[in-house]
Amino acid sequence: MAEPSQDQTADDNSLDARLGGILSELQERIARGETIGEREVRAEYPECADQLLPVLGQLREIRDLQGVRHSPKNVEHLVERGLLASSSDPEYAAELGPYKITGLLGRGGIPASTILEQTA
């Protein structure tokens, strides 16, 4: 398999940066109370709507969980969506790399904050 060219890597990084910027802008607009649905995203960003919509949907789901603190049920929902891994240890709701997640803490500077314990 051929390695990507420097131009291709630069293009990929540029697209990632653009998508990240657009998602940040959309989150800010939603936080201000704007309703942004699929039609709006496709109209404003037709060239990358297919990449934006799934991520925007996941961010909305995480944001919708914000009001409930320390709820393993909400963490289980994140596991079901594939955003976190299920834990082999029944004491914990989920895992993220070496961290064991005990529950959802709430909203901070990121879409969702969790309570973690590093066990290793």
C-alpha atoms as a PDB file:
ATOM      1  CA  MET A   1       0.000   0.000   0.000  1.00  0.00           C
ATOM      2  CA  ALA A   2       1.400   3.384  -0.978  1.00  0.00           C
ATOM      3  CA  GLU A   3       2.047   6.040   1.647  1.00  0.00           C
ATOM      4  CA  PRO A   4      -0.074   9.206   1.288  1.00  0.00           C
ATOM      5  CA  SER A   5       1.721  12.075  -0.367  1.00  0.00           C
ATOM      6  CA  GLN A   6       2.589  15.226   1.560  1.00  0.00           C
ATOM      7  CA  ASP A   7      -0.071  17.064  -0.467  1.00  0.00           C
ATOM      8  CA  GLN A   8      -2.697  14.447   0.479  1.00  0.00           C
ATOM      9  CA  THR A   9      -1.715  14.624   4.162  1.00  0.00           C
ATOM     10  CA  ALA A  10      -1.902  18.427   4.074  1.00  0.00           C
ATOM     11  CA  ASP A  11      -5.323  18.239   2.399  1.00  0.00           C
ATOM     12  CA  ASP A  12      -6.561  15.780   5.052  1.00  0.00           C
ATOM     13  CA  ASN A  13      -5.271  18.004   7.873  1.00  0.00           C
ATOM     14  CA  SER A  14      -6.885  21.030   6.244  1.00  0.00           C
ATOM     15  CA  LEU A  15     -10.230  19.234   5.968  1.00  0.00           C
ATOM     16  CA  ASP A  16     -10.013  18.082   9.604  1.00  0.00           C
ATOM     17  CA  ALA A  17      -9.304  21.643  10.716  1.00  0.00           C
ATOM     18  CA  ARG A  18     -12.202  22.980   8.637  1.00  0.00           C
ATOM     19  CA  LEU A  19     -14.620  20.366   9.994  1.00  0.00           C
ATOM     20  CA  GLY A  20     -13.495  21.102  13.558  1.00  0.00           C
ATOM     21  CA  GLY A  21     -14.025  24.818  13.054  1.00  0.00           C
ATOM     22  CA  ILE A  22     -17.470  24.307  11.560  1.00  0.00           C
ATOM     23  CA  LEU A  23     -18.501  21.959  14.383  1.00  0.00           C
ATOM     24  CA  SER A  24     -17.345  24.486  16.985  1.00  0.00           C
ATOM     25  CA  GLU A  25     -19.344  27.207  15.253  1.00  0.00           C
ATOM     26  CA  LEU A  26     -22.448  25.004  15.060  1.00  0.00           C
ATOM     27  CA  GLN A  27     -22.154  24.095  18.750  1.00  0.00           C
ATOM     28  CA  GLU A  28     -21.935  27.774  19.688  1.00  0.00           C
ATOM     29  CA  ARG A  29     -25.003  28.559  17.601  1.00  0.00           C
ATOM     30  CA  ILE A  30     -26.940  25.684  19.158  1.00  0.00           C
ATOM     31  CA  ALA A  31     -25.875  26.831  22.649  1.00  0.00           C
ATOM     32  CA  ARG A  32     -27.322  30.274  21.823  1.00  0.00           C
ATOM     33  CA  GLY A  33     -30.662  28.588  21.109  1.00  0.00           C
ATOM     34  CA  GLU A  34     -30.524  28.332  17.322  1.00  0.00           C
ATOM     35  CA  THR A  35     -32.181  25.285  15.829  1.00  0.00           C
ATOM     36  CA  ILE A  36     -29.830  23.694  13.336  1.00  0.00           C
ATOM     37  CA  GLY A  37     -31.012  20.610  11.521  1.00  0.00           C
ATOM     38  CA  GLU A  38     -29.928  18.539   8.576  1.00  0.00           C
ATOM     39  CA  ARG A  39     -31.453  20.953   6.061  1.00  0.00           C
ATOM     40  CA  GLU A  40     -29.495  23.911   7.462  1.00  0.00           C
ATOM     41  CA  VAL A  41     -26.219  21.986   7.553  1.00  0.00           C
ATOM     42  CA  ARG A  42     -26.669  20.742   3.968  1.00  0.00           C
ATOM     43  CA  ALA A  43     -27.534  24.257   2.749  1.00  0.00           C
ATOM     44  CA  GLU A  44     -24.651  26.020   4.529  1.00  0.00           C
ATOM     45  CA  TYR A  45     -21.972  23.337   4.122  1.00  0.00           C
ATOM     46  CA  PRO A  46     -22.893  21.189   1.097  1.00  0.00           C
ATOM     47  CA  GLU A  47     -19.294  20.123   0.466  1.00  0.00           C
ATOM     48  CA  CYS A  48     -18.883  18.477   3.889  1.00  0.00           C
ATOM     49  CA  ALA A  49     -22.414  17.908   5.228  1.00  0.00           C
ATOM     50  CA  ASP A  50     -22.026  14.124   5.042  1.00  0.00           C
ATOM     51  CA  GLN A  51     -19.039  14.294   7.400  1.00  0.00           C
ATOM     52  CA  LEU A  52     -20.592  16.909   9.717  1.00  0.00           C
ATOM     53  CA  LEU A  53     -24.029  15.414  10.331  1.00  0.00           C
ATOM     54  CA  PRO A  54     -23.011  12.171  12.112  1.00  0.00           C
ATOM     55  CA  VAL A  55     -20.574  14.003  14.413  1.00  0.00           C
ATOM     56  CA  LEU A  56     -23.088  16.763  15.111  1.00  0.00           C
ATOM     57  CA  GLY A  57     -25.644  14.098  16.027  1.00  0.00           C
ATOM     58  CA  GLN A  58     -23.234  12.473  18.482  1.00  0.00           C
ATOM     59  CA  LEU A  59     -22.388  15.835  20.049  1.00  0.00           C
ATOM     60  CA  ARG A  60     -26.109  16.544  20.484  1.00  0.00           C
ATOM     61  CA  GLU A  61     -26.611  13.202  22.212  1.00  0.00           C
ATOM     62  CA  ILE A  62     -23.758  13.890  24.606  1.00  0.00           C
ATOM     63  CA  ARG A  63     -25.077  17.414  25.283  1.00  0.00           C
ATOM     64  CA  ASP A  64     -28.574  16.028  25.945  1.00  0.00           C
ATOM     65  CA  LEU A  65     -27.135  13.915  28.768  1.00  0.00           C
ATOM     66  CA  GLN A  66     -25.721  16.927  30.581  1.00  0.00           C
ATOM     67  CA  GLY A  67     -28.418  17.511  33.187  1.00  0.00           C
ATOM     68  CA  VAL A  68     -27.972  14.203  34.992  1.00  0.00           C
ATOM     69  CA  ARG A  69     -24.929  13.788  37.253  1.00  0.00           C
ATOM     70  CA  HIS A  70     -23.230  10.527  38.156  1.00  0.00           C
ATOM     71  CA  SER A  71     -25.662   8.424  36.148  1.00  0.00           C
ATOM     72  CA  PRO A  72     -24.287   5.091  34.948  1.00  0.00           C
ATOM     73  CA  LYS A  73     -27.353   4.789  32.703  1.00  0.00           C
ATOM     74  CA  ASN A  74     -26.206   7.797  30.692  1.00  0.00           C
ATOM     75  CA  VAL A  75     -22.687   6.410  30.455  1.00  0.00           C
ATOM     76  CA  GLU A  76     -24.195   3.144  29.210  1.00  0.00           C
ATOM     77  CA  HIS A  77     -25.894   5.140  26.465  1.00  0.00           C
ATOM     78  CA  LEU A  78     -22.486   6.497  25.414  1.00  0.00           C
ATOM     79  CA  VAL A  79     -21.200   2.916  25.321  1.00  0.00           C
ATOM     80  CA  GLU A  80     -24.154   1.867  23.156  1.00  0.00           C
ATOM     81  CA  ARG A  81     -23.343   4.702  20.747  1.00  0.00           C
ATOM     82  CA  GLY A  82     -19.711   3.555  20.540  1.00  0.00           C
ATOM     83  CA  LEU A  83     -18.310   6.692  22.182  1.00  0.00           C
ATOM     84  CA  LEU A  84     -16.950   4.747  25.190  1.00  0.00           C
ATOM     85  CA  ALA A  85     -15.943   1.114  25.711  1.00  0.00           C
ATOM     86  CA  SER A  86     -17.866  -1.138  28.068  1.00  0.00           C
ATOM     87  CA  SER A  87     -15.975  -2.143  31.202  1.00  0.00           C
ATOM     88  CA  SER A  88     -15.066  -5.734  31.998  1.00  0.00           C
ATOM     89  CA  ASP A  89     -15.197  -4.745  35.680  1.00  0.00           C
ATOM     90  CA  PRO A  90     -18.828  -4.512  36.941  1.00  0.00           C
ATOM     91  CA  GLU A  91     -17.777  -1.807  39.428  1.00  0.00           C
ATOM     92  CA  TYR A  92     -17.351   0.665  36.547  1.00  0.00           C
ATOM     93  CA  ALA A  93     -19.801   1.959  33.965  1.00  0.00           C
ATOM     94  CA  ALA A  94     -17.287   2.154  31.088  1.00  0.00           C
ATOM     95  CA  GLU A  95     -13.629   2.506  30.142  1.00  0.00           C
ATOM     96  CA  LEU A  96     -11.584   4.973  28.131  1.00  0.00           C
ATOM     97  CA  GLY A  97      -8.079   3.622  27.589  1.00  0.00           C
ATOM     98  CA  PRO A  98      -6.525   3.023  31.027  1.00  0.00           C
ATOM     99  CA  TYR A  99      -9.317   4.955  32.790  1.00  0.00           C
ATOM    100  CA  LYS A 100     -12.374   3.442  34.450  1.00  0.00           C
ATOM    101  CA  ILE A 101     -15.483   5.607  34.223  1.00  0.00           C
ATOM    102  CA  THR A 102     -17.846   5.634  37.174  1.00  0.00           C
ATOM    103  CA  GLY A 103     -20.396   8.136  35.882  1.00  0.00           C
ATOM    104  CA  LEU A 104     -21.180  11.311  34.004  1.00  0.00           C
ATOM    105  CA  LEU A 105     -20.158  14.473  35.851  1.00  0.00           C
ATOM    106  CA  GLY A 106     -21.693  17.219  33.735  1.00  0.00           C
ATOM    107  CA  ARG A 107     -20.898  19.988  31.317  1.00  0.00           C
ATOM    108  CA  GLY A 108     -17.666  21.902  31.267  1.00  0.00           C
ATOM    109  CA  GLY A 109     -15.410  23.265  28.546  1.00  0.00           C
ATOM    110  CA  ILE A 110     -16.038  20.074  26.590  1.00  0.00           C
ATOM    111  CA  PRO A 111     -19.368  18.475  25.600  1.00  0.00           C
ATOM    112  CA  ALA A 112     -19.342  15.945  28.457  1.00  0.00           C
ATOM    113  CA  SER A 113     -17.249  15.379  31.549  1.00  0.00           C
ATOM    114  CA  THR A 114     -16.920  11.986  33.167  1.00  0.00           C
ATOM    115  CA  ILE A 115     -15.647  10.744  36.508  1.00  0.00           C
ATOM    116  CA  LEU A 116     -12.555   8.602  35.936  1.00  0.00           C
ATOM    117  CA  GLU A 117     -10.237   6.445  37.966  1.00  0.00           C
ATOM    118  CA  GLN A 118      -6.871   5.339  36.641  1.00  0.00           C
ATOM    119  CA  THR A 119      -6.417   1.754  37.813  1.00  0.00           C
ATOM    120  CA  ALA A 120      -3.076   0.939  36.217  1.00  0.00           C
END
